[in-house]
């Protein structure tokens, strides 16, 4: 499995003998009025392979994404009424399942945030570069942050359910991707322009 994350690779040559220093940047482009930006998306099975959550959590996450149709598993879940016939929202699930999901993401927060923001392997990001385009003024501003600063910023906050029934991991939102071509994948997203004013 590939763990690609950096969108651009910058090679910095330090002229001390033959020392070669390589830095990877994760680039996020946004308009000044932009809201969310996707940072990672995969199938439930891929995330289970990466993070080793149990089959029970995998089952409910597949109901969450719609990979498994909730009506077809109604006898197993005990849920008869659905807000969306295509999938379950996290806050529709039994309370014990909700607690297990939150507990898993809380206990494994550091690993999860690192995987979806920094990545793994040769293309893991060292920096996050966010560019913001102002259409009205036709100008672009940018901010460059160490990837650990970005992870700490976006990962800070509670692990809890959103009012819509998605999951917050700090400032990161986990939801069903929807749309095409892969609507039943899990998607993680952030508001990258928040990095311009991380103290607010």
N, C-alpha and C. Protein backbone atom coordinates (compact mmCIF):
# COMPACT_ATOMS: atom_id res chain seq x y z
N UNK A 1 0.84 -1.19 0.00
CA UNK A 1 0.00 0.00 0.00
C UNK A 1 0.88 1.25 0.00
N UNK A 2 0.54 2.21 -0.84
CA UNK A 2 1.31 3.44 -0.89
C UNK A 2 0.80 4.43 0.16
N UNK A 3 1.71 5.20 0.72
CA UNK A 3 1.32 6.22 1.70
C UNK A 3 1.77 7.58 1.18
N UNK A 4 1.32 7.91 -0.02
CA UNK A 4 1.71 9.16 -0.65
C UNK A 4 1.03 10.33 0.05
N UNK A 5 1.77 11.39 0.31
CA UNK A 5 1.17 12.55 0.94
C UNK A 5 1.69 13.86 0.36
N UNK A 6 3.01 14.01 0.18
CA UNK A 6 3.54 15.29 -0.28
C UNK A 6 3.07 15.57 -1.70
N UNK A 7 2.60 16.80 -1.95
CA UNK A 7 2.13 17.18 -3.27
C UNK A 7 3.27 17.74 -4.12
N UNK A 8 4.32 18.20 -3.48
CA UNK A 8 5.48 18.72 -4.20
C UNK A 8 6.73 18.34 -3.43
N UNK A 9 7.80 18.08 -4.16
CA UNK A 9 9.05 17.73 -3.50
C UNK A 9 10.09 18.78 -3.82
N UNK A 10 10.63 19.38 -2.78
CA UNK A 10 11.67 20.40 -2.92
C UNK A 10 12.99 19.77 -2.53
N UNK A 11 13.98 19.88 -3.37
CA UNK A 11 15.30 19.35 -3.05
C UNK A 11 16.24 20.50 -2.71
N UNK A 12 16.72 20.51 -1.49
CA UNK A 12 17.66 21.54 -1.03
C UNK A 12 19.04 20.91 -0.93
N UNK A 13 20.00 21.47 -1.66
CA UNK A 13 21.37 20.95 -1.63
C UNK A 13 22.20 21.79 -0.68
N UNK A 14 22.68 21.16 0.37
CA UNK A 14 23.54 21.83 1.34
C UNK A 14 24.99 21.56 0.94
N UNK A 15 25.74 22.61 0.63
CA UNK A 15 27.09 22.44 0.10
C UNK A 15 28.12 22.30 1.21
N UNK A 16 28.00 21.18 1.94
CA UNK A 16 29.02 20.81 2.91
C UNK A 16 29.45 19.40 2.52
N UNK A 17 30.51 19.32 1.78
CA UNK A 17 30.91 18.02 1.22
C UNK A 17 29.87 17.59 0.20
N UNK A 18 29.38 16.36 0.36
CA UNK A 18 28.36 15.83 -0.55
C UNK A 18 27.01 15.62 0.14
N UNK A 19 26.75 16.40 1.18
CA UNK A 19 25.51 16.25 1.93
C UNK A 19 24.32 16.71 1.08
N UNK A 20 23.29 15.89 1.03
CA UNK A 20 22.09 16.22 0.28
C UNK A 20 20.89 16.18 1.23
N UNK A 21 20.19 17.28 1.32
CA UNK A 21 19.03 17.38 2.20
C UNK A 21 17.76 17.47 1.35
N UNK A 22 16.78 16.60 1.60
CA UNK A 22 15.53 16.59 0.84
C UNK A 22 14.37 16.94 1.77
N UNK A 23 13.58 17.92 1.35
CA UNK A 23 12.40 18.32 2.11
C UNK A 23 11.16 18.15 1.25
N UNK A 24 10.08 17.60 1.81
CA UNK A 24 8.82 17.41 1.10
C UNK A 24 7.77 18.38 1.63
N UNK A 25 7.01 18.97 0.70
CA UNK A 25 5.95 19.90 1.06
C UNK A 25 4.59 19.34 0.69
N UNK A 26 3.62 19.48 1.59
CA UNK A 26 2.22 19.21 1.28
C UNK A 26 1.58 20.54 0.94
N UNK A 27 1.12 20.68 -0.29
CA UNK A 27 0.59 21.95 -0.79
C UNK A 27 -0.93 21.95 -0.78
N UNK A 28 -1.52 22.96 -0.15
CA UNK A 28 -2.97 23.12 -0.13
C UNK A 28 -3.32 24.47 -0.74
N UNK A 29 -4.08 24.43 -1.84
CA UNK A 29 -4.49 25.66 -2.52
C UNK A 29 -5.94 25.96 -2.17
N UNK A 30 -6.22 27.23 -1.90
CA UNK A 30 -7.59 27.60 -1.54
C UNK A 30 -7.88 29.02 -2.00
N UNK A 31 -9.14 29.31 -2.24
CA UNK A 31 -9.57 30.67 -2.47
C UNK A 31 -9.83 31.33 -1.12
N UNK A 32 -9.85 32.64 -1.10
CA UNK A 32 -10.00 33.36 0.16
C UNK A 32 -11.33 33.04 0.84
N UNK A 33 -12.33 32.65 0.05
CA UNK A 33 -13.64 32.31 0.63
C UNK A 33 -13.83 30.81 0.76
N UNK A 34 -12.75 30.05 0.59
CA UNK A 34 -12.86 28.59 0.63
C UNK A 34 -13.10 28.11 2.05
N UNK A 35 -13.75 26.98 2.16
CA UNK A 35 -14.04 26.41 3.46
C UNK A 35 -13.14 25.20 3.69
N UNK A 36 -13.57 24.02 3.24
CA UNK A 36 -12.84 22.79 3.53
C UNK A 36 -11.98 22.34 2.35
N UNK A 37 -10.96 21.55 2.69
CA UNK A 37 -10.05 20.97 1.71
C UNK A 37 -9.77 19.53 2.13
N UNK A 38 -9.93 18.60 1.21
CA UNK A 38 -9.68 17.19 1.52
C UNK A 38 -8.20 16.94 1.76
N UNK A 39 -7.88 16.17 2.81
CA UNK A 39 -6.48 15.82 3.06
C UNK A 39 -6.22 14.33 2.89
N UNK A 40 -7.27 13.50 2.97
CA UNK A 40 -7.05 12.07 2.79
C UNK A 40 -8.39 11.39 2.53
N UNK A 41 -8.38 10.35 1.71
CA UNK A 41 -9.59 9.53 1.51
C UNK A 41 -9.16 8.12 1.15
N UNK A 42 -9.83 7.14 1.74
CA UNK A 42 -9.56 5.74 1.49
C UNK A 42 -10.80 4.93 1.85
N UNK A 43 -10.76 3.65 1.50
CA UNK A 43 -11.83 2.75 1.90
C UNK A 43 -11.68 2.41 3.38
N UNK A 44 -12.76 1.93 3.97
CA UNK A 44 -12.71 1.48 5.36
C UNK A 44 -11.68 0.37 5.52
N UNK A 45 -11.62 -0.55 4.57
CA UNK A 45 -10.65 -1.65 4.64
C UNK A 45 -9.22 -1.13 4.65
N UNK A 46 -8.94 -0.12 3.85
CA UNK A 46 -7.58 0.46 3.83
C UNK A 46 -7.23 1.06 5.19
N UNK A 47 -8.16 1.80 5.77
CA UNK A 47 -7.89 2.39 7.08
C UNK A 47 -7.78 1.32 8.16
N UNK A 48 -8.55 0.26 8.05
CA UNK A 48 -8.43 -0.83 9.02
C UNK A 48 -7.05 -1.47 8.93
N UNK A 49 -6.55 -1.63 7.72
CA UNK A 49 -5.20 -2.18 7.53
C UNK A 49 -4.15 -1.25 8.14
N UNK A 50 -4.33 0.05 7.99
CA UNK A 50 -3.37 1.02 8.51
C UNK A 50 -3.42 1.13 10.03
N UNK A 51 -4.64 1.13 10.59
CA UNK A 51 -4.82 1.49 12.00
C UNK A 51 -5.26 0.34 12.89
N UNK A 52 -5.58 -0.78 12.27
CA UNK A 52 -5.85 -2.02 13.03
C UNK A 52 -7.05 -1.91 13.98
N UNK A 53 -8.11 -1.19 13.56
CA UNK A 53 -9.32 -1.24 14.39
C UNK A 53 -10.04 -2.56 14.13
N UNK A 54 -10.90 -2.94 15.07
CA UNK A 54 -11.50 -4.27 15.01
C UNK A 54 -12.61 -4.34 13.95
N UNK A 55 -13.05 -5.57 13.69
CA UNK A 55 -14.06 -5.79 12.65
C UNK A 55 -15.41 -5.17 13.00
N UNK A 56 -15.70 -5.05 14.28
CA UNK A 56 -16.96 -4.42 14.69
C UNK A 56 -16.98 -2.95 14.29
N UNK A 57 -15.88 -2.24 14.57
CA UNK A 57 -15.80 -0.84 14.15
C UNK A 57 -15.83 -0.74 12.63
N UNK A 58 -15.12 -1.64 11.95
CA UNK A 58 -15.11 -1.64 10.48
C UNK A 58 -16.53 -1.81 9.93
N UNK A 59 -17.29 -2.70 10.54
CA UNK A 59 -18.68 -2.94 10.09
C UNK A 59 -19.50 -1.66 10.19
N UNK A 60 -19.43 -0.98 11.33
CA UNK A 60 -20.24 0.22 11.52
C UNK A 60 -19.74 1.38 10.65
N UNK A 61 -18.44 1.45 10.42
CA UNK A 61 -17.93 2.50 9.52
C UNK A 61 -18.37 2.25 8.08
N UNK A 62 -18.51 0.99 7.71
CA UNK A 62 -19.02 0.70 6.36
C UNK A 62 -20.50 1.06 6.23
N UNK A 63 -21.24 0.95 7.32
CA UNK A 63 -22.61 1.45 7.32
C UNK A 63 -22.62 2.98 7.24
N UNK A 64 -21.65 3.60 7.90
CA UNK A 64 -21.51 5.06 7.88
C UNK A 64 -21.22 5.57 6.47
N UNK A 65 -20.37 4.88 5.73
CA UNK A 65 -20.03 5.33 4.37
C UNK A 65 -21.05 4.88 3.34
N UNK A 66 -21.87 3.89 3.68
CA UNK A 66 -22.81 3.35 2.70
C UNK A 66 -22.24 2.21 1.89
N UNK A 67 -21.01 1.80 2.21
CA UNK A 67 -20.46 0.62 1.54
C UNK A 67 -21.35 -0.59 1.83
N UNK A 68 -21.89 -0.63 3.05
CA UNK A 68 -22.93 -1.60 3.41
C UNK A 68 -24.24 -0.84 3.55
N UNK A 69 -25.29 -1.34 2.91
CA UNK A 69 -26.58 -0.67 2.96
C UNK A 69 -27.25 -0.91 4.32
N UNK A 70 -27.60 0.14 5.05
CA UNK A 70 -28.13 -0.04 6.40
C UNK A 70 -29.44 -0.82 6.46
N UNK A 71 -30.26 -0.70 5.42
CA UNK A 71 -31.54 -1.43 5.42
C UNK A 71 -31.31 -2.93 5.35
N UNK A 72 -30.27 -3.34 4.63
CA UNK A 72 -29.98 -4.76 4.49
C UNK A 72 -29.46 -5.38 5.78
N UNK A 73 -28.95 -4.54 6.69
CA UNK A 73 -28.40 -5.04 7.96
C UNK A 73 -29.25 -4.61 9.15
N UNK A 74 -30.50 -4.26 8.88
CA UNK A 74 -31.38 -3.76 9.93
C UNK A 74 -31.61 -4.79 11.03
N UNK A 75 -31.70 -6.07 10.65
CA UNK A 75 -31.94 -7.10 11.66
C UNK A 75 -30.75 -7.25 12.59
N UNK A 76 -29.55 -7.00 12.08
CA UNK A 76 -28.34 -7.09 12.91
C UNK A 76 -28.17 -5.86 13.78
N UNK A 77 -28.47 -4.69 13.24
CA UNK A 77 -28.23 -3.46 13.99
C UNK A 77 -29.40 -3.08 14.89
N UNK A 78 -30.59 -3.56 14.55
CA UNK A 78 -31.78 -3.18 15.30
C UNK A 78 -32.32 -1.82 14.93
N UNK A 79 -31.74 -1.19 13.91
CA UNK A 79 -32.16 0.14 13.49
C UNK A 79 -33.16 0.00 12.34
N UNK A 80 -34.34 0.58 12.50
CA UNK A 80 -35.41 0.43 11.52
C UNK A 80 -35.70 1.72 10.75
N UNK A 81 -35.39 2.84 11.35
CA UNK A 81 -35.67 4.14 10.73
C UNK A 81 -34.34 4.83 10.45
N UNK A 82 -34.21 5.37 9.23
CA UNK A 82 -32.94 5.96 8.79
C UNK A 82 -33.14 7.40 8.33
N UNK A 83 -32.24 8.26 8.72
CA UNK A 83 -32.26 9.64 8.22
C UNK A 83 -31.89 9.69 6.74
N UNK A 84 -31.05 8.77 6.31
CA UNK A 84 -30.63 8.68 4.92
C UNK A 84 -30.61 7.20 4.56
N UNK A 85 -31.41 6.79 3.61
CA UNK A 85 -31.53 5.37 3.29
C UNK A 85 -30.24 4.77 2.74
N UNK A 86 -29.29 5.64 2.33
CA UNK A 86 -28.04 5.15 1.74
C UNK A 86 -27.00 4.77 2.77
N UNK A 87 -27.10 5.35 3.97
CA UNK A 87 -26.04 5.16 4.97
C UNK A 87 -26.53 5.54 6.36
N UNK A 88 -25.73 5.20 7.39
CA UNK A 88 -26.02 5.60 8.76
C UNK A 88 -25.13 6.77 9.15
N UNK A 89 -25.63 7.66 9.95
CA UNK A 89 -24.79 8.68 10.58
C UNK A 89 -24.28 8.12 11.90
N UNK A 90 -23.13 8.62 12.32
CA UNK A 90 -22.51 8.08 13.53
C UNK A 90 -23.40 8.24 14.75
N UNK A 91 -24.14 9.35 14.83
CA UNK A 91 -24.99 9.56 16.00
C UNK A 91 -26.33 8.83 15.91
N UNK A 92 -26.52 8.02 14.88
CA UNK A 92 -27.67 7.11 14.80
C UNK A 92 -27.33 5.73 15.36
N UNK A 93 -26.07 5.48 15.56
CA UNK A 93 -25.62 4.16 15.98
C UNK A 93 -25.88 3.94 17.47
N UNK A 94 -25.90 2.68 17.92
CA UNK A 94 -26.08 2.41 19.35
C UNK A 94 -25.01 3.12 20.18
N UNK A 95 -25.38 3.54 21.37
CA UNK A 95 -24.48 4.33 22.21
C UNK A 95 -23.15 3.63 22.47
N UNK A 96 -23.16 2.32 22.66
CA UNK A 96 -21.92 1.60 22.92
C UNK A 96 -20.98 1.65 21.71
N UNK A 97 -21.56 1.64 20.51
CA UNK A 97 -20.76 1.73 19.29
C UNK A 97 -20.18 3.14 19.15
N UNK A 98 -21.00 4.15 19.44
CA UNK A 98 -20.51 5.52 19.40
C UNK A 98 -19.32 5.69 20.35
N UNK A 99 -19.45 5.15 21.55
CA UNK A 99 -18.37 5.25 22.54
C UNK A 99 -17.12 4.54 22.06
N UNK A 100 -17.27 3.36 21.43
CA UNK A 100 -16.12 2.61 20.94
C UNK A 100 -15.39 3.35 19.83
N UNK A 101 -16.15 3.98 18.93
CA UNK A 101 -15.53 4.73 17.83
C UNK A 101 -14.77 5.93 18.37
N UNK A 102 -15.40 6.69 19.26
CA UNK A 102 -14.72 7.85 19.84
C UNK A 102 -13.49 7.43 20.62
N UNK A 103 -13.60 6.35 21.38
CA UNK A 103 -12.47 5.86 22.18
C UNK A 103 -11.30 5.46 21.27
N UNK A 104 -11.60 4.79 20.16
CA UNK A 104 -10.53 4.37 19.26
C UNK A 104 -9.80 5.58 18.68
N UNK A 105 -10.55 6.56 18.19
CA UNK A 105 -9.90 7.72 17.58
C UNK A 105 -9.18 8.57 18.62
N UNK A 106 -9.68 8.62 19.84
CA UNK A 106 -9.00 9.36 20.90
C UNK A 106 -7.69 8.68 21.27
N UNK A 107 -7.72 7.38 21.47
CA UNK A 107 -6.52 6.65 21.88
C UNK A 107 -5.45 6.62 20.79
N UNK A 108 -5.88 6.70 19.54
CA UNK A 108 -4.94 6.60 18.41
C UNK A 108 -4.81 7.91 17.65
N UNK A 109 -5.16 8.99 18.32
CA UNK A 109 -5.19 10.31 17.67
C UNK A 109 -3.87 10.66 17.00
N UNK A 110 -2.75 10.49 17.69
CA UNK A 110 -1.45 10.90 17.15
C UNK A 110 -1.13 10.14 15.86
N UNK A 111 -1.31 8.82 15.88
CA UNK A 111 -1.04 8.01 14.69
C UNK A 111 -1.94 8.42 13.54
N UNK A 112 -3.22 8.61 13.81
CA UNK A 112 -4.18 8.94 12.77
C UNK A 112 -3.87 10.29 12.15
N UNK A 113 -3.62 11.29 12.98
CA UNK A 113 -3.32 12.63 12.47
C UNK A 113 -2.03 12.62 11.66
N UNK A 114 -1.03 11.89 12.12
CA UNK A 114 0.23 11.79 11.38
C UNK A 114 0.01 11.16 10.02
N UNK A 115 -0.77 10.09 9.97
CA UNK A 115 -0.99 9.39 8.70
C UNK A 115 -1.73 10.24 7.68
N UNK A 116 -2.75 10.99 8.13
CA UNK A 116 -3.57 11.72 7.16
C UNK A 116 -3.02 13.10 6.81
N UNK A 117 -2.16 13.66 7.66
CA UNK A 117 -1.58 14.97 7.36
C UNK A 117 -0.14 14.85 6.87
N UNK A 118 0.68 14.08 7.56
CA UNK A 118 2.09 13.94 7.20
C UNK A 118 2.32 12.84 6.19
N UNK A 119 1.63 11.70 6.37
CA UNK A 119 1.85 10.56 5.50
C UNK A 119 3.01 9.70 5.98
N UNK A 120 3.29 8.64 5.22
CA UNK A 120 4.38 7.73 5.57
C UNK A 120 5.28 7.52 4.36
N UNK A 121 6.47 7.00 4.63
CA UNK A 121 7.36 6.63 3.54
C UNK A 121 8.14 7.80 2.97
N UNK A 122 8.67 7.61 1.77
CA UNK A 122 9.56 8.59 1.16
C UNK A 122 8.92 9.91 0.82
N UNK A 123 7.59 9.94 0.67
CA UNK A 123 6.91 11.18 0.34
C UNK A 123 6.18 11.79 1.52
N UNK A 124 6.50 11.34 2.74
CA UNK A 124 5.88 11.97 3.91
C UNK A 124 6.30 13.44 3.95
N UNK A 125 5.35 14.29 4.31
CA UNK A 125 5.58 15.73 4.24
C UNK A 125 6.36 16.24 5.44
N UNK A 126 7.28 17.18 5.19
CA UNK A 126 8.00 17.88 6.25
C UNK A 126 7.39 19.24 6.55
N UNK A 127 6.68 19.78 5.56
CA UNK A 127 6.10 21.11 5.67
C UNK A 127 4.71 21.12 5.05
N UNK A 128 3.87 22.05 5.50
CA UNK A 128 2.59 22.30 4.84
C UNK A 128 2.59 23.73 4.33
N UNK A 129 2.39 23.87 3.03
CA UNK A 129 2.31 25.17 2.38
C UNK A 129 0.87 25.41 1.96
N UNK A 130 0.29 26.50 2.44
CA UNK A 130 -1.08 26.86 2.08
C UNK A 130 -1.04 28.16 1.28
N UNK A 131 -1.62 28.13 0.09
CA UNK A 131 -1.74 29.35 -0.71
C UNK A 131 -3.21 29.76 -0.76
N UNK A 132 -3.43 31.06 -0.68
CA UNK A 132 -4.80 31.59 -0.64
C UNK A 132 -4.95 32.66 -1.71
N UNK A 133 -5.87 32.40 -2.64
CA UNK A 133 -6.08 33.33 -3.76
C UNK A 133 -7.28 34.22 -3.49
N UNK A 134 -7.07 35.52 -3.60
CA UNK A 134 -8.14 36.50 -3.44
C UNK A 134 -8.63 36.89 -4.84
N UNK A 135 -9.81 36.39 -5.22
CA UNK A 135 -10.32 36.64 -6.57
C UNK A 135 -10.56 38.13 -6.82
N UNK A 136 -11.07 38.82 -5.81
CA UNK A 136 -11.42 40.23 -5.98
C UNK A 136 -10.19 41.07 -6.27
N UNK A 137 -9.09 40.79 -5.56
CA UNK A 137 -7.87 41.59 -5.73
C UNK A 137 -6.85 40.91 -6.63
N UNK A 138 -7.14 39.67 -7.05
CA UNK A 138 -6.24 38.89 -7.91
C UNK A 138 -4.85 38.78 -7.29
N UNK A 139 -4.83 38.50 -6.00
CA UNK A 139 -3.55 38.34 -5.29
C UNK A 139 -3.52 36.99 -4.59
N UNK A 140 -2.31 36.49 -4.39
CA UNK A 140 -2.12 35.22 -3.70
C UNK A 140 -1.22 35.44 -2.49
N UNK A 141 -1.66 34.97 -1.34
CA UNK A 141 -0.82 34.99 -0.14
C UNK A 141 -0.54 33.54 0.25
N UNK A 142 0.48 33.36 1.07
CA UNK A 142 0.84 31.99 1.44
C UNK A 142 1.39 31.95 2.85
N UNK A 143 1.33 30.76 3.43
CA UNK A 143 1.95 30.52 4.73
C UNK A 143 2.59 29.14 4.70
N UNK A 144 3.76 29.03 5.29
CA UNK A 144 4.51 27.77 5.33
C UNK A 144 4.71 27.38 6.78
N UNK A 145 4.28 26.17 7.13
CA UNK A 145 4.38 25.71 8.52
C UNK A 145 5.07 24.35 8.57
N UNK A 146 5.90 24.17 9.59
CA UNK A 146 6.45 22.85 9.86
C UNK A 146 5.30 21.87 10.01
N UNK A 147 5.45 20.67 9.46
CA UNK A 147 4.35 19.71 9.47
C UNK A 147 3.92 19.34 10.88
N UNK A 148 4.85 19.36 11.84
CA UNK A 148 4.48 19.06 13.22
C UNK A 148 3.62 20.17 13.82
N UNK A 149 3.89 21.41 13.42
CA UNK A 149 3.05 22.53 13.85
C UNK A 149 1.65 22.38 13.27
N UNK A 150 1.58 22.00 11.98
CA UNK A 150 0.28 21.80 11.33
C UNK A 150 -0.49 20.66 11.99
N UNK A 151 0.20 19.56 12.30
CA UNK A 151 -0.47 18.42 12.94
C UNK A 151 -0.98 18.79 14.32
N UNK A 152 -0.17 19.50 15.09
CA UNK A 152 -0.59 19.91 16.43
C UNK A 152 -1.78 20.86 16.37
N UNK A 153 -1.76 21.76 15.38
CA UNK A 153 -2.84 22.73 15.26
C UNK A 153 -4.15 22.05 14.87
N UNK A 154 -4.13 21.30 13.77
CA UNK A 154 -5.37 20.69 13.30
C UNK A 154 -5.84 19.55 14.20
N UNK A 155 -4.92 18.93 14.92
CA UNK A 155 -5.30 17.82 15.79
C UNK A 155 -5.76 18.24 17.17
N UNK A 156 -5.63 19.53 17.50
CA UNK A 156 -6.01 19.98 18.84
C UNK A 156 -7.52 20.15 18.94
N UNK A 157 -8.06 19.74 20.07
CA UNK A 157 -9.51 19.82 20.28
C UNK A 157 -10.08 18.46 20.60
N UNK A 158 -11.37 18.41 20.80
CA UNK A 158 -12.04 17.18 21.22
C UNK A 158 -12.22 16.20 20.07
N UNK A 159 -12.33 14.93 20.43
CA UNK A 159 -12.82 13.90 19.50
C UNK A 159 -14.29 13.71 19.84
N UNK A 160 -15.16 14.08 18.90
CA UNK A 160 -16.60 14.05 19.18
C UNK A 160 -17.37 14.02 17.87
N UNK A 161 -18.67 13.83 17.98
CA UNK A 161 -19.51 13.82 16.79
C UNK A 161 -19.99 15.23 16.48
N UNK A 162 -20.10 15.52 15.20
CA UNK A 162 -20.66 16.79 14.77
C UNK A 162 -22.18 16.73 14.85
N UNK A 163 -22.86 17.88 14.83
CA UNK A 163 -24.32 17.86 14.85
C UNK A 163 -24.93 17.05 13.70
N UNK A 164 -24.21 16.96 12.58
CA UNK A 164 -24.71 16.21 11.42
C UNK A 164 -24.43 14.72 11.52
N UNK A 165 -23.64 14.31 12.52
CA UNK A 165 -23.36 12.89 12.67
C UNK A 165 -22.07 12.43 12.03
N UNK A 166 -21.17 13.37 11.75
CA UNK A 166 -19.82 13.03 11.31
C UNK A 166 -18.91 13.04 12.54
N UNK A 167 -17.59 12.89 12.33
CA UNK A 167 -16.66 12.83 13.45
C UNK A 167 -15.68 13.99 13.37
N UNK A 168 -15.48 14.67 14.50
CA UNK A 168 -14.42 15.66 14.63
C UNK A 168 -13.25 15.02 15.37
N UNK A 169 -12.07 15.14 14.79
CA UNK A 169 -10.83 14.81 15.51
C UNK A 169 -10.08 16.12 15.61
N UNK A 170 -10.30 16.85 16.69
CA UNK A 170 -9.79 18.20 16.77
C UNK A 170 -10.48 19.06 15.72
N UNK A 171 -9.67 19.69 14.86
CA UNK A 171 -10.20 20.55 13.79
C UNK A 171 -10.36 19.79 12.47
N UNK A 172 -10.18 18.49 12.51
CA UNK A 172 -10.29 17.64 11.33
C UNK A 172 -11.67 16.99 11.32
N UNK A 173 -12.32 16.98 10.17
CA UNK A 173 -13.62 16.35 10.03
C UNK A 173 -13.50 15.05 9.24
N UNK A 174 -14.10 13.99 9.78
CA UNK A 174 -14.19 12.72 9.05
C UNK A 174 -15.62 12.53 8.61
N UNK A 175 -15.82 12.27 7.32
CA UNK A 175 -17.17 12.10 6.79
C UNK A 175 -17.17 11.09 5.65
N UNK A 176 -18.36 10.73 5.22
CA UNK A 176 -18.52 9.93 4.00
C UNK A 176 -18.23 10.84 2.83
N UNK A 177 -17.44 10.36 1.86
CA UNK A 177 -17.04 11.23 0.77
C UNK A 177 -18.22 11.69 -0.06
N UNK A 178 -19.08 10.77 -0.48
CA UNK A 178 -20.20 11.14 -1.34
C UNK A 178 -19.74 11.49 -2.75
N UNK A 179 -20.67 11.87 -3.59
CA UNK A 179 -20.34 12.26 -4.96
C UNK A 179 -19.81 11.11 -5.79
N UNK A 180 -19.03 11.44 -6.80
CA UNK A 180 -18.43 10.44 -7.68
C UNK A 180 -16.93 10.68 -7.75
N UNK A 181 -16.11 9.67 -8.08
CA UNK A 181 -16.50 8.31 -8.46
C UNK A 181 -16.48 7.32 -7.30
N UNK A 182 -16.13 7.76 -6.10
CA UNK A 182 -15.96 6.82 -4.98
C UNK A 182 -16.73 7.32 -3.75
N UNK A 183 -18.06 7.28 -3.81
CA UNK A 183 -18.87 7.89 -2.74
C UNK A 183 -18.81 7.19 -1.40
N UNK A 184 -18.37 5.93 -1.36
CA UNK A 184 -18.41 5.18 -0.10
C UNK A 184 -17.05 5.11 0.59
N UNK A 185 -16.15 6.00 0.23
CA UNK A 185 -14.88 6.09 0.95
C UNK A 185 -15.02 7.04 2.14
N UNK A 186 -14.13 6.89 3.09
CA UNK A 186 -14.04 7.85 4.19
C UNK A 186 -13.16 9.00 3.74
N UNK A 187 -13.57 10.19 4.07
CA UNK A 187 -12.83 11.40 3.70
C UNK A 187 -12.50 12.21 4.95
N UNK A 188 -11.25 12.67 5.04
CA UNK A 188 -10.84 13.59 6.09
C UNK A 188 -10.60 14.95 5.45
N UNK A 189 -11.06 16.00 6.12
CA UNK A 189 -10.88 17.33 5.54
C UNK A 189 -10.57 18.35 6.64
N UNK A 190 -9.93 19.43 6.22
CA UNK A 190 -9.56 20.53 7.11
C UNK A 190 -9.93 21.85 6.46
N UNK A 191 -9.83 22.92 7.24
CA UNK A 191 -9.92 24.27 6.70
C UNK A 191 -8.49 24.81 6.64
N UNK A 192 -7.79 24.66 5.51
CA UNK A 192 -6.37 25.00 5.47
C UNK A 192 -6.07 26.46 5.76
N UNK A 193 -7.00 27.36 5.43
CA UNK A 193 -6.74 28.79 5.65
C UNK A 193 -6.66 29.15 7.13
N UNK A 194 -7.08 28.24 8.01
CA UNK A 194 -6.93 28.48 9.45
C UNK A 194 -5.46 28.59 9.83
N UNK A 195 -4.56 28.02 9.03
CA UNK A 195 -3.13 28.08 9.34
C UNK A 195 -2.57 29.49 9.22
N UNK A 196 -3.28 30.38 8.54
CA UNK A 196 -2.81 31.76 8.44
C UNK A 196 -2.88 32.46 9.80
N UNK A 197 -3.85 32.08 10.61
CA UNK A 197 -4.01 32.69 11.94
C UNK A 197 -4.24 31.59 12.97
N UNK A 198 -3.20 30.79 13.25
CA UNK A 198 -3.39 29.62 14.12
C UNK A 198 -3.73 29.97 15.56
N UNK A 199 -3.49 31.21 15.97
CA UNK A 199 -3.78 31.59 17.35
C UNK A 199 -5.23 31.96 17.59
N UNK A 200 -6.01 32.08 16.51
CA UNK A 200 -7.40 32.52 16.66
C UNK A 200 -8.32 31.34 16.94
